[in-house]
């Protein structure tokens, strides 16, 4: 898995503002490797603190790096090489009549499953525009939506998108409504890690897995709550796929954070200790960490002195030179004489 269960996406290195980063929490763990391998200790922190220099492992305008810690993160599931396994099954759960809930009373338009992630990215960027106190002509909407359309997209939902057509993802329009409303109204300035974790959980509920215990899966995202996608088994019934199995308890053997906490979201508050390869309790705020799923706050931040679990982060910083909002501001092309 390459996602960070509750992680922060660093929008850094944009234009001349590469030295000042803004932390944007994104649901799952950052840079957590593959579902079937032990979590890597190298390069798995969020690298999103404001004291990170341009030389730190952060993302550029080309999109988030593996260290950005997109909350959803990629989960190799039972088949780290084939995200499209099962795609021969006709359509998504929504197309097959698997949609849940009723969003008729939603204050915002709820899109179809195919448009959910892109609509969510647009909603997040529109809120950034408002929080940055910029007008539409001043805010670089194209850059924002392009950046958040890469990798895990907003809150890590982009990591689930490759599995939409596998027949094991159900779309809940009511949860999608709550996700869009929450994204369109997140607090400007700063938010706690728990705020983002709660929002991410709401958004992931909109595209939840339906595979039950013992069912075939290409990723843990396809498994129902309380389960994860274990390594491929000879009797999986579908070549290359894994099997959904119950989460591993504290002290049990693991090779991935997905095995210890459902979609690495901190429920329960366990992570896979790469040294002992067993599920262990998460680290409290200010404790040392190497990746988001290690922290009770789902946020591991890199500082020059080391990486620590942190409780919250900045969402927008209007008026700060070289900051997040400044990086998304369209500069006056005609002002230089």
Protein backbone atom coordinates (compact mmCIF):
# COMPACT_ATOMS: atom_id res chain seq x y z
CA UNK A 1 0.00 0.00 0.00
CA UNK A 2 1.23 3.41 -0.76
CA UNK A 3 -1.32 5.42 0.99
CA UNK A 4 -1.40 6.98 4.28
CA UNK A 5 -4.30 6.10 6.38
CA UNK A 6 -4.69 9.46 7.86
CA UNK A 7 -2.12 11.45 6.32
CA UNK A 8 -1.33 14.83 5.10
CA UNK A 9 -0.84 15.87 1.57
CA UNK A 10 1.88 18.42 1.13
CA UNK A 11 1.32 20.95 -1.58
CA UNK A 12 4.89 22.03 -1.93
CA UNK A 13 7.40 23.23 -4.39
CA UNK A 14 4.85 25.20 -6.38
CA UNK A 15 6.46 28.01 -8.33
CA UNK A 16 8.80 30.03 -6.15
CA UNK A 17 7.11 28.86 -2.97
CA UNK A 18 8.95 25.56 -2.65
CA UNK A 19 10.36 26.26 0.79
CA UNK A 20 7.09 26.70 2.63
CA UNK A 21 4.63 23.84 2.84
CA UNK A 22 1.04 23.62 3.85
CA UNK A 23 -0.30 20.53 5.49
CA UNK A 24 -3.45 19.06 4.14
CA UNK A 25 -4.58 15.97 5.95
CA UNK A 26 -5.63 13.14 3.67
CA UNK A 27 -7.16 9.95 4.97
CA UNK A 28 -5.01 6.84 5.00
CA UNK A 29 -1.42 6.36 5.76
CA UNK A 30 1.38 7.98 3.90
CA UNK A 31 3.63 5.88 1.80
CA UNK A 32 2.77 2.63 3.39
CA UNK A 33 3.98 0.23 0.78
CA UNK A 34 2.15 -2.81 -0.49
CA UNK A 35 -0.61 -4.76 1.16
CA UNK A 36 1.48 -7.89 1.17
CA UNK A 37 4.80 -6.50 2.35
CA UNK A 38 6.01 -5.10 5.64
CA UNK A 39 5.65 -1.30 5.85
CA UNK A 40 8.79 0.48 4.74
CA UNK A 41 10.48 2.69 7.28
CA UNK A 42 12.19 4.78 4.62
CA UNK A 43 10.56 7.82 3.11
CA UNK A 44 7.18 7.14 4.66
CA UNK A 45 6.68 10.31 6.65
CA UNK A 46 4.39 13.09 5.57
CA UNK A 47 7.17 15.65 5.18
CA UNK A 48 4.58 18.34 5.58
CA UNK A 49 5.75 20.58 8.39
CA UNK A 50 6.35 24.24 7.69
CA UNK A 51 10.07 23.93 8.37
CA UNK A 52 10.72 21.51 5.52
CA UNK A 53 13.06 22.99 2.93
CA UNK A 54 12.84 22.69 -0.82
CA UNK A 55 15.39 19.90 -0.65
CA UNK A 56 13.20 17.70 1.51
CA UNK A 57 11.24 14.84 -0.04
CA UNK A 58 8.11 16.76 -0.87
CA UNK A 59 5.92 17.00 -3.91
CA UNK A 60 6.20 19.44 -6.75
CA UNK A 61 3.67 20.77 -9.19
CA UNK A 62 3.94 17.44 -10.94
CA UNK A 63 1.89 15.97 -8.13
CA UNK A 64 2.34 14.28 -4.76
CA UNK A 65 5.41 12.16 -4.25
CA UNK A 66 5.32 8.79 -2.52
CA UNK A 67 6.15 10.61 0.69
CA UNK A 68 3.24 13.00 0.56
CA UNK A 69 1.07 10.72 2.58
CA UNK A 70 -2.18 10.74 0.70
CA UNK A 71 -4.66 9.59 3.17
CA UNK A 72 -6.21 6.86 1.19
CA UNK A 73 -3.05 5.40 -0.11
CA UNK A 74 -2.66 2.64 -2.57
CA UNK A 75 -3.44 -0.78 -1.26
CA UNK A 76 -2.08 -3.59 -3.32
CA UNK A 77 -4.54 -5.97 -1.77
CA UNK A 78 -4.21 -9.54 -2.90
CA UNK A 79 -2.64 -8.54 -6.16
CA UNK A 80 -0.11 -5.76 -6.00
CA UNK A 81 0.42 -5.91 -9.73
CA UNK A 82 -3.14 -5.93 -10.95
CA UNK A 83 -5.55 -3.31 -9.78
CA UNK A 84 -7.87 -4.22 -12.60
CA UNK A 85 -8.47 -7.80 -11.49
CA UNK A 86 -12.14 -8.47 -11.45
CA UNK A 87 -12.79 -5.73 -13.95
CA UNK A 88 -14.37 -8.26 -16.24
CA UNK A 89 -17.32 -8.21 -13.91
CA UNK A 90 -19.85 -5.93 -15.53
CA UNK A 91 -19.86 -2.41 -14.18
CA UNK A 92 -19.68 -0.95 -10.71
CA UNK A 93 -21.92 -1.71 -7.82
CA UNK A 94 -23.86 1.42 -8.62
CA UNK A 95 -24.52 0.24 -12.16
CA UNK A 96 -25.52 -3.16 -10.84
CA UNK A 97 -28.08 -1.67 -8.52
CA UNK A 98 -25.72 -1.61 -5.56
CA UNK A 99 -26.11 2.03 -4.62
CA UNK A 100 -27.12 2.72 -1.03
CA UNK A 101 -29.00 5.58 0.59
CA UNK A 102 -31.00 8.48 -0.79
CA UNK A 103 -29.47 11.88 -1.46
CA UNK A 104 -32.63 13.59 -2.69
CA UNK A 105 -32.53 16.05 0.21
CA UNK A 106 -28.84 16.87 -0.20
CA UNK A 107 -28.07 20.62 -0.37
CA UNK A 108 -25.48 19.96 -3.09
CA UNK A 109 -25.75 17.96 -6.28
CA UNK A 110 -24.59 14.38 -5.73
CA UNK A 111 -22.72 13.04 -8.78
CA UNK A 112 -22.64 9.55 -10.17
CA UNK A 113 -19.97 7.17 -8.91
CA UNK A 114 -17.80 7.78 -11.98
CA UNK A 115 -17.72 11.52 -11.26
CA UNK A 116 -17.51 11.37 -7.46
CA UNK A 117 -13.75 11.82 -7.05
CA UNK A 118 -13.45 14.65 -9.59
CA UNK A 119 -16.46 16.42 -8.05
CA UNK A 120 -14.88 16.05 -4.61
CA UNK A 121 -11.60 17.54 -5.83
CA UNK A 122 -13.48 20.52 -7.30
CA UNK A 123 -15.34 21.04 -4.01
CA UNK A 124 -12.07 21.00 -2.04
CA UNK A 125 -10.41 23.51 -4.37
CA UNK A 126 -13.44 25.80 -4.27
CA UNK A 127 -13.17 25.81 -0.47
CA UNK A 128 -9.44 26.54 -0.68
CA UNK A 129 -10.28 29.52 -2.88
CA UNK A 130 -12.68 30.83 -0.25
CA UNK A 131 -10.30 30.17 2.65
CA UNK A 132 -7.38 31.79 0.82
CA UNK A 133 -9.55 34.91 0.40
CA UNK A 134 -8.94 34.93 -3.34
CA UNK A 135 -11.30 35.84 -6.15
CA UNK A 136 -11.88 33.39 -9.03
CA UNK A 137 -9.56 35.49 -11.19
CA UNK A 138 -6.81 35.31 -8.57
CA UNK A 139 -7.08 31.63 -7.61
CA UNK A 140 -5.32 29.07 -9.80
CA UNK A 141 -8.17 26.58 -9.95
CA UNK A 142 -6.55 24.60 -12.78
CA UNK A 143 -3.38 24.03 -10.76
CA UNK A 144 -5.34 23.06 -7.64
CA UNK A 145 -7.60 20.56 -9.37
CA UNK A 146 -4.69 19.15 -11.36
CA UNK A 147 -2.63 18.61 -8.22
CA UNK A 148 -5.45 17.01 -6.25
CA UNK A 149 -6.44 14.80 -9.16
CA UNK A 150 -3.13 12.95 -8.93
CA UNK A 151 -2.28 10.05 -6.66
CA UNK A 152 -4.71 9.74 -3.81
CA UNK A 153 -6.64 12.85 -4.82
CA UNK A 154 -8.59 14.52 -2.01
CA UNK A 155 -8.50 12.53 1.24
CA UNK A 156 -7.12 9.47 -0.54
CA UNK A 157 -10.30 8.70 -2.46
CA UNK A 158 -8.25 8.50 -5.63
CA UNK A 159 -6.71 5.26 -4.40
CA UNK A 160 -10.14 3.64 -4.31
CA UNK A 161 -11.13 4.82 -7.79
CA UNK A 162 -9.26 2.08 -9.73
CA UNK A 163 -11.56 -0.48 -8.06
CA UNK A 164 -14.87 1.21 -8.87
CA UNK A 165 -15.52 -1.12 -11.78
CA UNK A 166 -14.51 -4.34 -10.04
CA UNK A 167 -17.99 -5.15 -8.75
CA UNK A 168 -16.97 -5.02 -5.08
CA UNK A 169 -17.49 -1.32 -4.32
CA UNK A 170 -20.92 0.07 -3.38
CA UNK A 171 -21.78 3.75 -3.81
CA UNK A 172 -23.80 5.40 -1.02
CA UNK A 173 -25.24 8.75 -2.27
CA UNK A 174 -26.17 9.82 1.28
CA UNK A 175 -22.59 9.39 2.50
CA UNK A 176 -21.41 11.05 -0.71
CA UNK A 177 -23.62 14.02 0.12
CA UNK A 178 -22.18 14.26 3.64
CA UNK A 179 -18.66 13.99 2.23
CA UNK A 180 -19.22 16.77 -0.29
CA UNK A 181 -20.90 19.02 2.30
CA UNK A 182 -18.05 18.44 4.77
CA UNK A 183 -15.42 19.12 2.11
CA UNK A 184 -17.21 22.26 0.96
CA UNK A 185 -17.26 23.60 4.50
CA UNK A 186 -14.10 22.46 6.26
CA UNK A 187 -12.69 24.99 8.68
CA UNK A 188 -10.36 27.60 7.24
CA UNK A 189 -7.03 28.10 8.97
CA UNK A 190 -6.31 24.89 10.83
CA UNK A 191 -7.92 21.56 11.59
CA UNK A 192 -7.15 18.72 13.95
CA UNK A 193 -6.10 15.36 12.65
CA UNK A 194 -9.33 13.95 14.07
CA UNK A 195 -11.38 16.42 12.02
CA UNK A 196 -9.79 15.17 8.84
CA UNK A 197 -9.97 11.55 9.93
CA UNK A 198 -13.71 11.91 10.55
CA UNK A 199 -14.22 13.60 7.18
CA UNK A 200 -12.19 10.94 5.46
CA UNK A 201 -14.19 8.17 7.10
CA UNK A 202 -17.38 9.82 5.87
CA UNK A 203 -16.01 10.03 2.33
CA UNK A 204 -14.76 6.45 2.31
CA UNK A 205 -18.20 5.31 3.47
CA UNK A 206 -19.52 6.70 0.19
CA UNK A 207 -17.47 4.13 -1.75
CA UNK A 208 -17.28 1.20 0.65
CA UNK A 209 -16.21 -2.35 0.00
CA UNK A 210 -18.79 -5.12 -0.12
CA UNK A 211 -16.68 -8.29 -0.18
CA UNK A 212 -17.38 -10.36 2.94
CA UNK A 213 -15.17 -12.63 5.03
CA UNK A 214 -13.61 -15.16 2.67
CA UNK A 215 -14.64 -13.25 -0.43
CA UNK A 216 -12.22 -12.51 -3.27
CA UNK A 217 -10.61 -9.07 -3.36
CA UNK A 218 -8.05 -7.09 -5.33
CA UNK A 219 -7.59 -4.55 -2.52
CA UNK A 220 -8.59 -3.96 1.08
CA UNK A 221 -10.79 -1.15 -0.24
CA UNK A 222 -13.04 -3.85 -1.64
CA UNK A 223 -13.51 -5.55 1.75
CA UNK A 224 -16.38 -4.76 4.10
CA UNK A 225 -15.61 -2.95 7.40
CA UNK A 226 -13.60 -5.03 9.85
CA UNK A 227 -11.81 -6.93 7.08
CA UNK A 228 -8.68 -6.56 4.96
CA UNK A 229 -7.47 -8.18 1.75
CA UNK A 230 -4.95 -10.88 2.62
CA UNK A 231 -2.31 -12.26 0.28
CA UNK A 232 -3.43 -14.31 -2.70
CA UNK A 233 -4.38 -17.85 -1.87
CA UNK A 234 -4.35 -20.86 -4.18
CA UNK A 235 -8.04 -21.47 -3.46
CA UNK A 236 -9.12 -17.84 -3.84
CA UNK A 237 -11.33 -18.85 -6.72
CA UNK A 238 -10.15 -15.97 -8.90
CA UNK A 239 -6.57 -16.08 -10.16
CA UNK A 240 -4.39 -13.36 -8.68
CA UNK A 241 -6.94 -12.14 -6.13
CA UNK A 242 -6.68 -12.24 -2.36
CA UNK A 243 -9.28 -13.05 0.28
CA UNK A 244 -11.00 -10.69 2.71
CA UNK A 245 -10.17 -11.73 6.25
CA UNK A 246 -10.83 -10.31 9.75
CA UNK A 247 -8.40 -7.69 11.01
CA UNK A 248 -5.44 -8.99 12.98
CA UNK A 249 -5.60 -8.27 16.75
CA UNK A 250 -2.94 -6.58 18.89
CA UNK A 251 0.16 -8.77 18.89
CA UNK A 252 -0.91 -10.80 15.87
CA UNK A 253 1.33 -11.24 12.79
CA UNK A 254 1.09 -8.69 9.97
CA UNK A 255 2.85 -7.47 6.86
CA UNK A 256 0.76 -4.35 6.23
CA UNK A 257 -1.00 -1.64 8.24
CA UNK A 258 -4.23 -2.57 6.49
CA UNK A 259 -4.20 -5.86 8.40
CA UNK A 260 -4.28 -4.10 11.78
CA UNK A 261 -6.71 -1.21 11.24
CA UNK A 262 -9.57 -1.05 8.76
CA UNK A 263 -8.25 0.90 5.76
CA UNK A 264 -5.60 2.20 8.18
CA UNK A 265 -8.18 4.57 9.65
CA UNK A 266 -7.34 3.96 13.31
CA UNK A 267 -10.22 1.60 14.03
CA UNK A 268 -8.86 -0.13 16.01
CA UNK A 269 -5.88 2.04 16.97
CA UNK A 270 -3.24 -0.38 15.75
CA UNK A 271 -0.51 -0.36 13.12
CA UNK A 272 1.88 -2.98 11.76
CA UNK A 273 5.22 -2.73 13.56
CA UNK A 274 7.75 -3.40 10.79
CA UNK A 275 10.41 -4.53 13.29
CA UNK A 276 8.33 -7.22 14.96
CA UNK A 277 5.86 -7.66 12.07
CA UNK A 278 3.04 -7.68 14.59
CA UNK A 279 0.08 -5.35 15.14
CA UNK A 280 0.86 -2.86 17.92
CA UNK A 281 -0.85 0.14 19.61
CA UNK A 282 -0.43 3.44 17.80
CA UNK A 283 1.90 6.19 19.02
CA UNK A 284 0.52 9.22 20.88
CA UNK A 285 1.07 12.85 19.85
CA UNK A 286 4.73 13.96 20.04
CA UNK A 287 5.93 10.37 19.83
CA UNK A 288 8.39 9.28 17.15
CA UNK A 289 6.99 7.91 13.88
CA UNK A 290 7.87 7.07 10.29
CA UNK A 291 4.39 7.12 8.69
CA UNK A 292 0.83 8.23 9.42
CA UNK A 293 -0.73 4.87 10.42
CA UNK A 294 1.71 4.72 13.35
CA UNK A 295 0.02 7.72 15.01
CA UNK A 296 -3.21 7.90 16.99
CA UNK A 297 -3.74 11.22 15.20
CA UNK A 298 -3.08 9.58 11.80
CA UNK A 299 -0.50 12.28 11.13
CA UNK A 300 3.27 11.80 11.13
CA UNK A 301 5.13 15.01 10.31
CA UNK A 302 8.76 15.43 9.34
CA UNK A 303 10.86 18.02 11.17
CA UNK A 304 14.57 18.68 10.74
CA UNK A 305 15.12 17.07 14.13
CA UNK A 306 13.06 13.96 13.32
CA UNK A 307 9.50 12.80 12.65
CA UNK A 308 6.78 13.14 15.26
CA UNK A 309 3.07 12.37 15.53
CA UNK A 310 1.13 15.63 15.45
CA UNK A 311 -2.46 16.46 16.33
CA UNK A 312 -3.40 18.93 13.63
CA UNK A 313 -2.28 21.11 10.77
CA UNK A 314 -2.81 24.25 8.77
CA UNK A 315 -5.32 24.15 5.96
CA UNK A 316 -4.94 27.63 4.49
CA UNK A 317 -2.64 30.60 5.12
CA UNK A 318 -3.79 33.72 3.24
CA UNK A 319 -1.24 36.49 3.05
CA UNK A 320 1.79 34.33 3.94
CA UNK A 321 4.57 34.83 1.37
CA UNK A 322 5.65 31.51 -0.10
CA UNK A 323 2.78 29.72 1.63
CA UNK A 324 0.05 27.43 0.34
CA UNK A 325 -2.35 30.18 -0.70
CA UNK A 326 0.47 32.12 -2.32
CA UNK A 327 1.37 29.06 -4.38
CA UNK A 328 -2.21 28.91 -5.67
CA UNK A 329 -2.37 32.60 -6.49
CA UNK A 330 -2.21 33.66 -10.14
CA UNK A 331 0.51 36.29 -10.31
CA UNK A 332 -0.05 39.49 -12.25
CA UNK A 333 1.56 38.71 -15.59
CA UNK A 334 1.44 42.34 -16.69
CA UNK A 335 2.99 43.96 -13.68
CA UNK A 336 6.69 43.95 -14.38
CA UNK A 337 7.16 46.99 -16.64
